[in-house]
C-alpha atoms as a PDB file:
ATOM      1  CA  MET A   1     -41.447   3.778  -6.438  1.00  0.00           C
ATOM      2  CA  ILE A   2     -40.162   4.093  -2.861  1.00  0.00           C
ATOM      3  CA  PHE A   3     -38.447   0.709  -3.244  1.00  0.00           C
ATOM      4  CA  PHE A   4     -36.754   1.874  -6.446  1.00  0.00           C
ATOM      5  CA  THR A   5     -35.372   5.061  -4.874  1.00  0.00           C
ATOM      6  CA  GLY A   6     -34.156   3.017  -1.900  1.00  0.00           C
ATOM      7  CA  MET A   7     -32.258   0.736  -4.273  1.00  0.00           C
ATOM      8  CA  ARG A   8     -30.775   3.756  -6.038  1.00  0.00           C
ATOM      9  CA  ILE A   9     -29.573   5.222  -2.738  1.00  0.00           C
ATOM     10  CA  ALA A  10     -28.019   1.864  -1.796  1.00  0.00           C
ATOM     11  CA  TYR A  11     -26.291   1.697  -5.197  1.00  0.00           C
ATOM     12  CA  ILE A  12     -24.912   5.226  -4.826  1.00  0.00           C
ATOM     13  CA  LYS A  13     -23.690   4.417  -1.307  1.00  0.00           C
ATOM     14  CA  LYS A  14     -21.903   1.301  -2.600  1.00  0.00           C
ATOM     15  CA  ARG A  15     -20.223   3.338  -5.329  1.00  0.00           C
ATOM     16  CA  ILE A  16     -19.142   5.986  -2.803  1.00  0.00           C
ATOM     17  CA  VAL A  17     -17.670   3.293  -0.534  1.00  0.00           C
ATOM     18  CA  LYS A  18     -15.814   1.763  -3.493  1.00  0.00           C
ATOM     19  CA  ILE A  19     -14.381   5.152  -4.474  1.00  0.00           C
ATOM     20  CA  HIS A  20     -13.349   5.850  -0.870  1.00  0.00           C
ATOM     21  CA  LEU A  21     -11.593   2.483  -0.602  1.00  0.00           C
ATOM     22  CA  LEU A  22      -9.687   3.117  -3.847  1.00  0.00           C
ATOM     23  CA  TYR A  23      -8.734   6.610  -2.663  1.00  0.00           C
ATOM     24  CA  PHE A  24      -7.649   5.274   0.742  1.00  0.00           C
ATOM     25  CA  SER A  25      -5.492   2.525  -0.782  1.00  0.00           C
ATOM     26  CA  GLU A  26      -3.816   5.114  -3.036  1.00  0.00           C
ATOM     27  CA  ILE A  27      -2.978   7.227   0.025  1.00  0.00           C
ATOM     28  CA  ILE A  28      -1.558   4.175   1.831  1.00  0.00           C
ATOM     29  CA  LYS A  29       0.596   3.349  -1.215  1.00  0.00           C
ATOM     30  CA  ALA A  30       1.909   6.921  -1.376  1.00  0.00           C
ATOM     31  CA  VAL A  31       2.705   6.930   2.369  1.00  0.00           C
ATOM     32  CA  ASN A  32       4.513   3.580   2.104  1.00  0.00           C
ATOM     33  CA  GLU A  33       6.586   4.822  -0.831  1.00  0.00           C
ATOM     34  CA  GLU A  34       7.515   8.005   1.033  1.00  0.00           C
ATOM     35  CA  ARG A  35       8.481   5.984   4.108  1.00  0.00           C
ATOM     36  CA  ARG A  36      10.672   3.747   1.938  1.00  0.00           C
ATOM     37  CA  PHE A  37      12.226   6.838   0.358  1.00  0.00           C
ATOM     38  CA  TYR A  38      13.120   8.376   3.718  1.00  0.00           C
ATOM     39  CA  LEU A  39      14.445   5.106   5.147  1.00  0.00           C
END
């Protein structure tokens, strides 16, 4: 049971990291587009 909850926590952490990376890349894209717009 402890092993199972540990795996669930690891899975949730992986999903959070994936979401953060997607969010971060979207921000970078938006910043690059704004920079291009101003230049």
